[in-house]
Structure formats: structure tokens, C-alpha cells
C-alpha atoms as a PDB file:
ATOM      1  CA  MET A   1      29.065  11.659 176.514  1.00  0.00           C
ATOM      2  CA  PHE A   2      30.469  10.154 173.323  1.00  0.00           C
ATOM      3  CA  ILE A   3      27.647   7.625 173.172  1.00  0.00           C
ATOM      4  CA  SER A   4      25.070  10.381 173.617  1.00  0.00           C
ATOM      5  CA  LEU A   5      26.519  12.332 170.689  1.00  0.00           C
ATOM      6  CA  ARG A   6      26.438   9.258 168.459  1.00  0.00           C
ATOM      7  CA  LEU A   7      22.850   8.553 169.495  1.00  0.00           C
ATOM      8  CA  ALA A   8      21.848  12.147 168.804  1.00  0.00           C
ATOM      9  CA  ALA A   9      23.478  12.008 165.362  1.00  0.00           C
ATOM     10  CA  LEU A  10      21.713   8.714 164.587  1.00  0.00           C
ATOM     11  CA  CYS A  11      18.359  10.160 165.579  1.00  0.00           C
ATOM     12  CA  PHE A  12      19.009  13.180 163.377  1.00  0.00           C
ATOM     13  CA  TRP A  13      19.662  11.045 160.301  1.00  0.00           C
ATOM     14  CA  VAL A  14      16.627   8.859 160.989  1.00  0.00           C
ATOM     15  CA  LEU A  15      14.410  11.930 161.222  1.00  0.00           C
ATOM     16  CA  LEU A  16      15.948  13.323 158.031  1.00  0.00           C
ATOM     17  CA  LEU A  17      15.332  10.098 156.136  1.00  0.00           C
ATOM     18  CA  ASP A  18      11.742   9.963 157.420  1.00  0.00           C
ATOM     19  CA  LEU A  19      11.214  13.550 156.329  1.00  0.00           C
ATOM     20  CA  CYS A  20      12.620  12.793 152.886  1.00  0.00           C
ATOM     21  CA  GLY A  21      10.288   9.813 152.663  1.00  0.00           C
ATOM     22  CA  ILE A  22       7.298  12.002 153.580  1.00  0.00           C
ATOM     23  CA  ILE A  23       8.294  14.607 151.002  1.00  0.00           C
ATOM     24  CA  LYS A  24       8.778  11.894 148.384  1.00  0.00           C
ATOM     25  CA  THR A  25       5.368  10.398 149.149  1.00  0.00           C
ATOM     26  CA  LEU A  26       3.691  13.795 148.948  1.00  0.00           C
ATOM     27  CA  GLY A  27       5.445  14.507 145.700  1.00  0.00           C
ATOM     28  CA  GLN A  28       4.173  11.254 144.186  1.00  0.00           C
ATOM     29  CA  SER A  29       0.609  11.609 145.448  1.00  0.00           C
ATOM     30  CA  HIS A  30       0.247  15.169 144.195  1.00  0.00           C
ATOM     31  CA  GLY A  31       2.102  14.599 140.964  1.00  0.00           C
ATOM     32  CA  LEU A  32       5.047  16.851 141.791  1.00  0.00           C
ATOM     33  CA  GLY A  33       7.621  14.425 140.369  1.00  0.00           C
ATOM     34  CA  VAL A  34       8.386  14.203 136.643  1.00  0.00           C
ATOM     35  CA  VAL A  35       8.542  10.819 134.931  1.00  0.00           C
ATOM     36  CA  ARG A  36      10.752  10.639 131.848  1.00  0.00           C
ATOM     37  CA  VAL A  37       9.770   8.316 128.997  1.00  0.00           C
ATOM     38  CA  VAL A  38      12.152   7.690 126.068  1.00  0.00           C
ATOM     39  CA  VAL A  39      11.082   5.795 122.948  1.00  0.00           C
ATOM     40  CA  LYS A  40      12.369   5.236 119.444  1.00  0.00           C
ATOM     41  CA  GLU A  41      10.673   7.117 116.640  1.00  0.00           C
ATOM     42  CA  GLY A  42       7.804   5.110 115.176  1.00  0.00           C
ATOM     43  CA  SER A  43       7.275   2.940 118.265  1.00  0.00           C
ATOM     44  CA  ASP A  44       4.458   3.213 120.809  1.00  0.00           C
ATOM     45  CA  ALA A  45       4.855   5.237 124.018  1.00  0.00           C
ATOM     46  CA  ILE A  46       3.049   4.497 127.263  1.00  0.00           C
ATOM     47  CA  LEU A  47       2.611   7.606 129.410  1.00  0.00           C
ATOM     48  CA  PRO A  48       1.928   6.450 133.014  1.00  0.00           C
ATOM     49  CA  CYS A  49      -0.729   7.993 135.220  1.00  0.00           C
ATOM     50  CA  SER A  50      -2.217   6.099 138.189  1.00  0.00           C
ATOM     51  CA  LEU A  51      -4.049   7.334 141.262  1.00  0.00           C
ATOM     52  CA  SER A  52      -2.014   6.803 144.402  1.00  0.00           C
ATOM     53  CA  THR A  53      -5.143   5.497 146.156  1.00  0.00           C
ATOM     54  CA  LYS A  54      -5.804   2.955 143.367  1.00  0.00           C
ATOM     55  CA  GLU A  55      -9.478   3.946 143.527  1.00  0.00           C
ATOM     56  CA  ASN A  56     -11.836   3.316 140.644  1.00  0.00           C
ATOM     57  CA  ALA A  57     -11.413   5.981 137.964  1.00  0.00           C
ATOM     58  CA  GLU A  58     -14.246   4.859 135.672  1.00  0.00           C
ATOM     59  CA  SER A  59     -16.490   7.672 136.932  1.00  0.00           C
ATOM     60  CA  LYS A  60     -13.703  10.224 137.276  1.00  0.00           C
ATOM     61  CA  LEU A  61     -12.576  13.050 135.036  1.00  0.00           C
ATOM     62  CA  PHE A  62      -8.983  13.232 133.888  1.00  0.00           C
ATOM     63  CA  ASP A  63      -7.398  15.366 131.210  1.00  0.00           C
ATOM     64  CA  TRP A  64      -4.163  14.743 129.297  1.00  0.00           C
ATOM     65  CA  LYS A  65      -2.450  17.774 127.733  1.00  0.00           C
ATOM     66  CA  LYS A  66       0.842  18.462 125.991  1.00  0.00           C
ATOM     67  CA  ASP A  67       2.837  21.561 126.951  1.00  0.00           C
ATOM     68  CA  ASP A  68      -0.258  22.794 128.858  1.00  0.00           C
ATOM     69  CA  GLN A  69      -1.961  23.619 125.559  1.00  0.00           C
ATOM     70  CA  LYS A  70      -2.697  20.751 123.195  1.00  0.00           C
ATOM     71  CA  GLU A  71      -5.541  18.422 124.090  1.00  0.00           C
ATOM     72  CA  VAL A  72      -4.163  14.894 123.966  1.00  0.00           C
ATOM     73  CA  PHE A  73      -6.892  12.815 125.620  1.00  0.00           C
ATOM     74  CA  PHE A  74      -9.916  13.746 127.717  1.00  0.00           C
ATOM     75  CA  TYR A  75     -11.990  11.330 129.794  1.00  0.00           C
ATOM     76  CA  ASP A  76     -15.141  12.079 131.781  1.00  0.00           C
ATOM     77  CA  ALA A  77     -17.097   9.162 133.249  1.00  0.00           C
ATOM     78  CA  GLY A  78     -16.987   7.077 130.080  1.00  0.00           C
ATOM     79  CA  LEU A  79     -17.103   9.890 127.520  1.00  0.00           C
ATOM     80  CA  HIS A  80     -13.691  10.416 125.970  1.00  0.00           C
ATOM     81  CA  SER A  81     -11.767  11.705 122.965  1.00  0.00           C
ATOM     82  CA  ASN A  82     -12.114   8.460 121.017  1.00  0.00           C
ATOM     83  CA  ASN A  83     -15.905   8.063 121.256  1.00  0.00           C
ATOM     84  CA  GLY A  84     -17.274  11.434 120.281  1.00  0.00           C
ATOM     85  CA  ARG A  85     -15.871  13.944 122.748  1.00  0.00           C
ATOM     86  CA  PRO A  86     -14.587  16.913 120.632  1.00  0.00           C
ATOM     87  CA  GLY A  87     -11.517  19.018 121.273  1.00  0.00           C
ATOM     88  CA  GLN A  88      -8.643  16.602 120.677  1.00  0.00           C
ATOM     89  CA  ASP A  89      -5.712  18.212 118.872  1.00  0.00           C
ATOM     90  CA  GLN A  90      -5.299  17.099 115.269  1.00  0.00           C
ATOM     91  CA  GLN A  91      -1.771  15.874 115.998  1.00  0.00           C
ATOM     92  CA  PHE A  92      -3.095  13.060 118.169  1.00  0.00           C
ATOM     93  CA  LYS A  93      -6.272  12.029 116.354  1.00  0.00           C
ATOM     94  CA  GLY A  94      -6.435   8.268 115.905  1.00  0.00           C
ATOM     95  CA  ARG A  95      -3.162   7.691 117.766  1.00  0.00           C
ATOM     96  CA  VAL A  96      -4.113   7.813 121.452  1.00  0.00           C
ATOM     97  CA  SER A  97      -5.800   5.065 123.467  1.00  0.00           C
ATOM     98  CA  HIS A  98      -6.291   4.283 127.160  1.00  0.00           C
ATOM     99  CA  PHE A  99      -6.543   1.172 129.348  1.00  0.00           C
ATOM    100  CA  GLN A 100     -10.318   0.843 129.695  1.00  0.00           C
ATOM    101  CA  ASP A 101     -10.195  -2.370 131.746  1.00  0.00           C
ATOM    102  CA  ASP A 102      -7.664  -0.909 134.174  1.00  0.00           C
ATOM    103  CA  LEU A 103      -9.623   2.244 135.029  1.00  0.00           C
ATOM    104  CA  LYS A 104     -11.218   0.418 137.948  1.00  0.00           C
ATOM    105  CA  TYR A 105      -7.744   0.167 139.471  1.00  0.00           C
ATOM    106  CA  GLY A 106      -7.086   3.896 139.051  1.00  0.00           C
ATOM    107  CA  ASN A 107      -4.939   3.487 135.941  1.00  0.00           C
ATOM    108  CA  ALA A 108      -5.413   6.496 133.641  1.00  0.00           C
ATOM    109  CA  SER A 109      -2.314   5.853 131.523  1.00  0.00           C
ATOM    110  CA  ILE A 110      -2.450   6.380 127.757  1.00  0.00           C
ATOM    111  CA  ILE A 111      -0.672   4.971 124.727  1.00  0.00           C
ATOM    112  CA  ILE A 112       0.543   7.192 121.886  1.00  0.00           C
ATOM    113  CA  SER A 113       1.087   4.979 118.849  1.00  0.00           C
ATOM    114  CA  LYS A 114       3.585   5.493 116.024  1.00  0.00           C
ATOM    115  CA  THR A 115       5.406   8.306 117.784  1.00  0.00           C
ATOM    116  CA  LYS A 116       6.827  11.221 115.830  1.00  0.00           C
ATOM    117  CA  LEU A 117       9.548  13.708 116.622  1.00  0.00           C
ATOM    118  CA  THR A 118       6.872  16.359 117.238  1.00  0.00           C
ATOM    119  CA  ASP A 119       5.409  14.206 120.025  1.00  0.00           C
ATOM    120  CA  SER A 120       8.403  15.033 122.231  1.00  0.00           C
ATOM    121  CA  GLY A 121       7.482  17.398 125.038  1.00  0.00           C
ATOM    122  CA  ASN A 122       5.943  17.758 128.488  1.00  0.00           C
ATOM    123  CA  TYR A 123       2.647  16.028 129.241  1.00  0.00           C
ATOM    124  CA  SER A 124       0.311  16.348 132.187  1.00  0.00           C
ATOM    125  CA  CYS A 125      -2.398  14.021 133.497  1.00  0.00           C
ATOM    126  CA  ASP A 126      -4.803  16.082 135.579  1.00  0.00           C
ATOM    127  CA  PHE A 127      -7.561  14.948 137.956  1.00  0.00           C
ATOM    128  CA  PRO A 128      -9.067  18.414 138.615  1.00  0.00           C
ATOM    129  CA  ARG A 129     -12.047  17.250 140.738  1.00  0.00           C
ATOM    130  CA  LEU A 130     -10.109  15.153 143.214  1.00  0.00           C
ATOM    131  CA  GLN A 131      -9.419  16.440 146.686  1.00  0.00           C
ATOM    132  CA  PRO A 132      -6.585  17.074 146.855  1.00  0.00           C
ATOM    133  CA  ARG A 133      -6.168  17.627 143.116  1.00  0.00           C
ATOM    134  CA  GLN A 134      -3.678  15.271 141.503  1.00  0.00           C
ATOM    135  CA  ILE A 135      -1.514  16.219 138.531  1.00  0.00           C
ATOM    136  CA  PHE A 136       1.070  13.860 137.062  1.00  0.00           C
ATOM    137  CA  ASN A 137       3.872  15.207 134.869  1.00  0.00           C
ATOM    138  CA  ILE A 138       5.543  13.132 132.167  1.00  0.00           C
ATOM    139  CA  GLN A 139       8.331  14.144 129.821  1.00  0.00           C
ATOM    140  CA  LEU A 140       8.330  12.277 126.512  1.00  0.00           C
ATOM    141  CA  LEU A 141      11.471  12.130 124.411  1.00  0.00           C
ATOM    142  CA  VAL A 142      11.174  10.598 120.955  1.00  0.00           C
ATOM    143  CA  ASP A 143      14.609   9.449 119.882  1.00  0.00           C
ATOM    144  CA  LEU A 144      15.163   9.811 116.159  1.00  0.00           C
ATOM    145  CA  THR A 145      16.222   6.747 114.205  1.00  0.00           C
ATOM    146  CA  LEU A 146      18.277   6.776 111.032  1.00  0.00           C
ATOM    147  CA  ARG A 147      15.974   5.931 108.139  1.00  0.00           C
ATOM    148  CA  ASP A 148      15.110   6.950 104.597  1.00  0.00           C
ATOM    149  CA  ARG A 149      13.629  10.468 104.685  1.00  0.00           C
ATOM    150  CA  SER A 150      14.253  11.337 101.034  1.00  0.00           C
ATOM    151  CA  GLY A 151      10.562  11.999 100.454  1.00  0.00           C
ATOM    152  CA  GLU A 152      10.131  14.050 103.623  1.00  0.00           C
ATOM    153  CA  ILE A 153      13.049  16.462 103.976  1.00  0.00           C
ATOM    154  CA  THR A 154      14.511  18.776 101.361  1.00  0.00           C
ATOM    155  CA  GLY A 155      18.187  18.039 100.860  1.00  0.00           C
ATOM    156  CA  ALA A 156      17.982  14.439 101.993  1.00  0.00           C
ATOM    157  CA  SER A 157      20.205  12.304  99.786  1.00  0.00           C
ATOM    158  CA  SER A 158      18.591  10.168  97.129  1.00  0.00           C
ATOM    159  CA  LYS A 159      19.775   6.605  96.503  1.00  0.00           C
ATOM    160  CA  PRO A 160      23.505   6.463  95.715  1.00  0.00           C
ATOM    161  CA  TYR A 161      24.607   5.457  92.206  1.00  0.00           C
ATOM    162  CA  VAL A 162      26.847   2.363  92.113  1.00  0.00           C
ATOM    163  CA  THR A 163      29.089   1.600  89.134  1.00  0.00           C
ATOM    164  CA  ILE A 164      31.635  -1.173  88.451  1.00  0.00           C
ATOM    165  CA  LEU A 165      34.663   0.657  87.055  1.00  0.00           C
ATOM    166  CA  ASP A 166      36.909  -2.364  86.485  1.00  0.00           C
ATOM    167  CA  GLU A 167      37.057  -6.038  87.414  1.00  0.00           C
ATOM    168  CA  THR A 168      39.190  -9.168  87.090  1.00  0.00           C
ATOM    169  CA  LYS A 169      38.829 -12.670  88.456  1.00  0.00           C
ATOM    170  CA  ASP A 170      40.571 -11.467  91.653  1.00  0.00           C
ATOM    171  CA  TRP A 171      39.043  -8.059  92.410  1.00  0.00           C
ATOM    172  CA  ALA A 172      36.520  -5.413  91.412  1.00  0.00           C
ATOM    173  CA  LEU A 173      36.815  -1.627  91.572  1.00  0.00           C
ATOM    174  CA  VAL A 174      33.420  -0.088  92.380  1.00  0.00           C
ATOM    175  CA  GLN A 175      32.319   3.523  92.611  1.00  0.00           C
ATOM    176  CA  CYS A 176      29.578   5.171  94.666  1.00  0.00           C
ATOM    177  CA  GLU A 177      28.157   8.584  93.826  1.00  0.00           C
ATOM    178  CA  VAL A 178      25.885  10.749  95.983  1.00  0.00           C
ATOM    179  CA  LEU A 179      24.475  13.728  94.122  1.00  0.00           C
ATOM    180  CA  GLY A 180      23.038  17.007  95.422  1.00  0.00           C
ATOM    181  CA  ALA A 181      22.661  16.364  99.160  1.00  0.00           C
ATOM    182  CA  PHE A 182      22.537  18.808 102.068  1.00  0.00           C
ATOM    183  CA  PRO A 183      23.736  18.765 104.787  1.00  0.00           C
ATOM    184  CA  LYS A 184      26.969  17.045 103.759  1.00  0.00           C
ATOM    185  CA  PRO A 185      26.450  13.277 104.068  1.00  0.00           C
ATOM    186  CA  ARG A 186      28.910  10.681 105.271  1.00  0.00           C
ATOM    187  CA  VAL A 187      29.384   8.168 102.455  1.00  0.00           C
ATOM    188  CA  GLU A 188      30.924   4.759 103.047  1.00  0.00           C
ATOM    189  CA  TRP A 189      31.085   1.246 101.670  1.00  0.00           C
ATOM    190  CA  GLN A 190      29.952  -1.717 103.804  1.00  0.00           C
ATOM    191  CA  ASP A 191      29.939  -5.481 103.366  1.00  0.00           C
ATOM    192  CA  SER A 192      26.921  -7.721 104.044  1.00  0.00           C
ATOM    193  CA  ALA A 193      27.806  -7.837 107.756  1.00  0.00           C
ATOM    194  CA  GLY A 194      27.736  -4.046 108.027  1.00  0.00           C
ATOM    195  CA  ASN A 195      31.500  -3.679 108.366  1.00  0.00           C
ATOM    196  CA  LYS A 196      32.957  -0.475 106.972  1.00  0.00           C
ATOM    197  CA  LEU A 197      35.338  -1.118 104.062  1.00  0.00           C
ATOM    198  CA  PRO A 198      38.597   0.716 103.417  1.00  0.00           C
ATOM    199  CA  ALA A 199      38.147   3.094 100.515  1.00  0.00           C
ATOM    200  CA  GLU A 200      39.898   5.801  98.554  1.00  0.00           C
ATOM    201  CA  GLU A 201      39.745   9.394  99.769  1.00  0.00           C
ATOM    202  CA  PRO A 202      36.243  10.747  98.987  1.00  0.00           C
ATOM    203  CA  GLN A 203      36.018  13.258  96.164  1.00  0.00           C
ATOM    204  CA  VAL A 204      33.807  16.097  97.405  1.00  0.00           C
ATOM    205  CA  SER A 205      32.478  19.110  95.549  1.00  0.00           C
ATOM    206  CA  GLU A 206      29.861  21.704  96.443  1.00  0.00           C
ATOM    207  CA  ARG A 207      27.546  23.336  93.929  1.00  0.00           C
ATOM    208  CA  GLY A 208      24.597  25.549  94.717  1.00  0.00           C
ATOM    209  CA  GLY A 209      24.709  24.702  98.387  1.00  0.00           C
ATOM    210  CA  SER A 210      24.526  20.938  97.757  1.00  0.00           C
ATOM    211  CA  PHE A 211      27.234  18.316  98.072  1.00  0.00           C
ATOM    212  CA  TYR A 212      28.385  15.834  95.423  1.00  0.00           C
ATOM    213  CA  ILE A 213      30.497  12.968  96.754  1.00  0.00           C
ATOM    214  CA  THR A 214      32.266  10.058  95.051  1.00  0.00           C
ATOM    215  CA  VAL A 215      33.866   7.151  96.926  1.00  0.00           C
ATOM    216  CA  ASN A 216      35.721   4.243  95.289  1.00  0.00           C
ATOM    217  CA  THR A 217      36.714   0.957  96.881  1.00  0.00           C
ATOM    218  CA  THR A 218      38.264  -2.321  95.756  1.00  0.00           C
ATOM    219  CA  VAL A 219      36.732  -5.608  96.888  1.00  0.00           C
ATOM    220  CA  MET A 220      38.344  -9.037  96.606  1.00  0.00           C
ATOM    221  CA  LYS A 221      35.676 -11.530  97.589  1.00  0.00           C
ATOM    222  CA  THR A 222      32.167 -12.471  96.535  1.00  0.00           C
ATOM    223  CA  ASP A 223      29.566 -10.727  98.700  1.00  0.00           C
ATOM    224  CA  ARG A 224      26.705  -8.259  98.838  1.00  0.00           C
ATOM    225  CA  TYR A 225      28.065  -4.741  99.164  1.00  0.00           C
ATOM    226  CA  ARG A 226      26.255  -1.526  99.911  1.00  0.00           C
ATOM    227  CA  CYS A 227      27.068   2.143  99.593  1.00  0.00           C
ATOM    228  CA  VAL A 228      25.539   4.021 102.528  1.00  0.00           C
ATOM    229  CA  ALA A 229      24.852   7.764 102.730  1.00  0.00           C
ATOM    230  CA  THR A 230      24.134   9.117 106.236  1.00  0.00           C
ATOM    231  CA  GLN A 231      22.987  12.613 107.249  1.00  0.00           C
ATOM    232  CA  GLU A 232      22.784  12.479 111.041  1.00  0.00           C
ATOM    233  CA  GLU A 233      21.652  16.104 111.342  1.00  0.00           C
ATOM    234  CA  ILE A 234      18.330  15.164 109.737  1.00  0.00           C
ATOM    235  CA  SER A 235      18.377  11.478 110.834  1.00  0.00           C
ATOM    236  CA  HIS A 236      18.458  10.346 107.223  1.00  0.00           C
ATOM    237  CA  GLN A 237      20.153   7.217 105.939  1.00  0.00           C
ATOM    238  CA  ILE A 238      19.821   5.561 102.556  1.00  0.00           C
ATOM    239  CA  HIS A 239      21.796   2.931 100.659  1.00  0.00           C
ATOM    240  CA  THR A 240      22.195   1.063  97.384  1.00  0.00           C
ATOM    241  CA  GLU A 241      23.161  -2.623  97.392  1.00  0.00           C
ATOM    242  CA  THR A 242      24.958  -4.642  94.739  1.00  0.00           C
ATOM    243  CA  TYR A 243      26.113  -8.249  94.456  1.00  0.00           C
ATOM    244  CA  LEU A 244      29.680  -8.831  93.229  1.00  0.00           C
ATOM    245  CA  TYR A 245      31.076 -12.198  92.168  1.00  0.00           C
ATOM    246  CA  ILE A 246      34.842 -12.393  92.531  1.00  0.00           C
ATOM    247  CA  GLY A 247      36.608 -15.510  91.171  1.00  0.00           C
ATOM    248  CA  GLU A 248      37.181 -17.562  88.036  1.00  0.00           C
ATOM    249  CA  LYS A 249      34.566 -16.637  85.477  1.00  0.00           C
ATOM    250  CA  LEU A 250      32.396 -19.441  84.238  1.00  0.00           C
ATOM    251  CA  PHE A 251      32.759 -18.066  80.698  1.00  0.00           C
ATOM    252  CA  SER A 252      35.218 -15.498  79.402  1.00  0.00           C
ATOM    253  CA  ARG A 253      34.311 -13.074  76.645  1.00  0.00           C
ATOM    254  CA  GLY A 254      36.404 -15.167  74.203  1.00  0.00           C
ATOM    255  CA  ASP A 255      34.553 -18.288  75.290  1.00  0.00           C
ATOM    256  CA  VAL A 256      31.217 -16.619  74.648  1.00  0.00           C
ATOM    257  CA  ILE A 257      32.298 -15.428  71.175  1.00  0.00           C
ATOM    258  CA  GLY A 258      33.769 -18.850  70.375  1.00  0.00           C
ATOM    259  CA  CYS A 259      30.606 -20.600  71.491  1.00  0.00           C
ATOM    260  CA  PHE A 260      28.510 -18.205  69.409  1.00  0.00           C
ATOM    261  CA  PHE A 261      30.375 -18.794  66.134  1.00  0.00           C
ATOM    262  CA  GLY A 262      30.873 -22.462  66.945  1.00  0.00           C
ATOM    263  CA  GLY A 263      27.127 -22.757  67.355  1.00  0.00           C
ATOM    264  CA  ILE A 264      26.565 -21.113  63.983  1.00  0.00           C
ATOM    265  CA  ILE A 265      29.009 -23.454  62.240  1.00  0.00           C
ATOM    266  CA  LEU A 266      27.589 -26.517  63.972  1.00  0.00           C
ATOM    267  CA  GLY A 267      24.082 -25.450  63.045  1.00  0.00           C
ATOM    268  CA  ALA A 268      25.129 -24.987  59.421  1.00  0.00           C
ATOM    269  CA  LEU A 269      26.713 -28.465  59.313  1.00  0.00           C
ATOM    270  CA  ILE A 270      23.610 -30.051  60.797  1.00  0.00           C
ATOM    271  CA  LEU A 271      21.417 -28.224  58.293  1.00  0.00           C
ATOM    272  CA  ALA A 272      23.653 -29.328  55.423  1.00  0.00           C
ATOM    273  CA  ALA A 273      23.522 -32.935  56.631  1.00  0.00           C
ATOM    274  CA  VAL A 274      19.735 -32.819  56.861  1.00  0.00           C
ATOM    275  CA  LEU A 275      19.448 -31.366  53.346  1.00  0.00           C
ATOM    276  CA  ALA A 276      21.869 -33.954  51.958  1.00  0.00           C
ATOM    277  CA  SER A 277      19.877 -36.691  53.602  1.00  0.00           C
ATOM    278  CA  LEU A 278      16.648 -35.352  52.090  1.00  0.00           C
ATOM    279  CA  VAL A 279      18.231 -35.155  48.624  1.00  0.00           C
ATOM    280  CA  ALA A 280      19.653 -38.664  48.897  1.00  0.00           C
ATOM    281  CA  THR A 281      16.318 -40.017  50.053  1.00  0.00           C
ATOM    282  CA  LYS A 282      14.556 -38.342  47.115  1.00  0.00           C
ATOM    283  CA  PHE A 283      17.153 -39.636  44.661  1.00  0.00           C
ATOM    284  CA  ILE A 284      16.808 -43.204  45.918  1.00  0.00           C
ATOM    285  CA  THR A 285      13.006 -42.961  45.758  1.00  0.00           C
ATOM    286  CA  VAL A 286      13.103 -41.687  42.141  1.00  0.00           C
ATOM    287  CA  ARG A 287      15.472 -44.491  41.079  1.00  0.00           C
ATOM    288  CA  ARG A 288      13.278 -47.078  42.726  1.00  0.00           C
ATOM    289  CA  ASN A 289      10.214 -45.695  40.939  1.00  0.00           C
ATOM    290  CA  LYS A 290      12.012 -45.768  37.593  1.00  0.00           C
ATOM    291  CA  GLY A 291      13.198 -49.333  38.157  1.00  0.00           C
ATOM    292  CA  ALA A 292       9.711 -50.486  39.038  1.00  0.00           C
ATOM    293  CA  ALA A 293       8.249 -48.821  35.932  1.00  0.00           C
ATOM    294  CA  LYS A 294      10.889 -50.395  33.658  1.00  0.00           C
ATOM    295  CA  GLU A 295      10.241 -53.809  35.158  1.00  0.00           C
ATOM    296  CA  ARG A 296       6.494 -53.469  34.536  1.00  0.00           C
ATOM    297  CA  HIS A 297       7.129 -52.372  30.952  1.00  0.00           C
ATOM    298  CA  GLU A 298       9.360 -55.351  30.162  1.00  0.00           C
ATOM    299  CA  LYS A 299       6.875 -57.738  31.728  1.00  0.00           C
ATOM    300  CA  GLY A 300       4.106 -56.291  29.557  1.00  0.00           C
ATOM    301  CA  GLU A 301       6.120 -56.807  26.349  1.00  0.00           C
ATOM    302  CA  GLU A 302       6.748 -60.442  27.227  1.00  0.00           C
ATOM    303  CA  GLU A 303       3.040 -61.060  27.681  1.00  0.00           C
ATOM    304  CA  ILE A 304       2.292 -59.509  24.243  1.00  0.00           C
ATOM    305  CA  MET A 305       4.871 -61.693  22.474  1.00  0.00           C
ATOM    306  CA  THR A 306       3.435 -64.735  24.076  1.00  0.00           C
END
């Protein structure tokens, strides 16, 4: 009796699993399942669509649409959106391609290049003439990346202003200012490795619906530092980088001034020496000329007396 109950239960689960497998297979063959594709903004997205029978699709008709309205890509026995077939939505012009060489294997997938946030949505790949009709559903999610959107979105922060407030051979006090940004950005200092630096409490003010933020930090080693402004609500991030040398200065201000005046004095001495040399040379030349003339004159007188 106990064995019979266990056998009956086992048969029940086997039948249930078989039924689930049949339902799953039907769902795949008729496109009832939804495939989710996630890509980073700006990258290419492959939206899959392949006939379950793997039959040649070169002579078939299939139609890609977004949200059941926008024409994404249309193919009909060789004529398609990229070779003269009208109707493609402006949003996708020049950005959609298909796998021509794989059509013979039933692959009707497409590639959307340089994805944008507006590309996110529900897509369908429809084979309306097949019996039974096959429709594949794909959900595309374009994940925003933090990047510079200052020229695209009103309120996006412009490049931060970086100023050296004070410095010694051991440290430097630097200031970062973000002016007129909305929504309120997160402003922080980072080193060349991207590590967040400890900083003073940000000074924040709001004027006319825009935020003005100042953040100061003190650094004590030579490195490349950047002030980063991030507005996650609009996926905007922008930074300004500066190189700071911390350590014994090669030349102090006094050294520079001393070298400047020392150079002037040295130049004057050299010039004086050159002039003195020229004068001495001229004096010696004149004396030699006079001596030679006197010698010729005396020699001439001796010849006359003789």
C-alpha cells in the first residue's frame, strides 16, 4: 500500500514535469516568453529572434516593432529597411542591422548600435505568414552610464573650478567650486587612483533654483587630483584635473629674485670687461702706430743727413 502511494506520487510529478516541459516548448515556439536584454548606454544591443524550426528565413517576412507602434526593422524576401524599404521610424534610421548570412538558419535577430535611453522598451519580432504564427517578445533595458552631459541637459554641472588657496613644501590647500547646477550635485575630491579624499564640510548655497557648492581639501603628496561633480538623477558626471607637486621646491621665490639680480650684475661685469678689453686693445694699437710712425720719421732724417 505504501509503495503504491509512493509510485502514484512519483508518476504525478513526472507527468507534471512533462506538462511543464510541453508548456515551455509551446511558449518558446510561439514566442510567448519574454527575453530581457540589458546593455550599457552607447553600446550595441543584439535582440534575438530565431525560428524554432531553424528553417531558412531568406524568403520569409518578419517585422520588428517597438512598443507595437514604431517600425524598427522590416524584412520581406530580401527587401528590408536598410535597402530602400520605407517606413522605418526616424529613431532607428542608420542604427539597425541584421545577420544576412544567418537568415538561412532561421536567425532573424537584429543589432541596434549606439543605444540610447529612448531605445529602452518592449520589442516584438513577428513572422505573420508562418503557420502557426510566431511572435518573439524582447524587453530592452538601456542602463545609463555616468558621463558628461553638460551640452545635452539643462542644469547639468559645467566643469568645476579648481584653485590653489595655499601651499608649502609639505602640503597644498586646494578648492573646488561648482556653480549653478541642478539637481544638487555630489562634489568630491579624488586622487589619481579614484580614491575619495577627506575634505572639509561642503559649503552649499542655492540661488534661483541652482546649487553653488565649494569643497576644500588638503593634500600632502605629489599626484594628479581631480574634483568630480556627479548628478546621478540625470546620469551626469564631470571633473577637472590638476597636478600638484608637494616637496622641496627646486627654487624658492628668494632664489629666483637673487638669480635675477645676480644675472644682471654678472652681465654688467662681463659687459664692462669686454668694453675695457676693447679700449685697451685700441689704446695698444694706437701706441704701436705712433711708435712705427716715429721710427720711420727718424730713419728718414738719418738718410737726409747722410
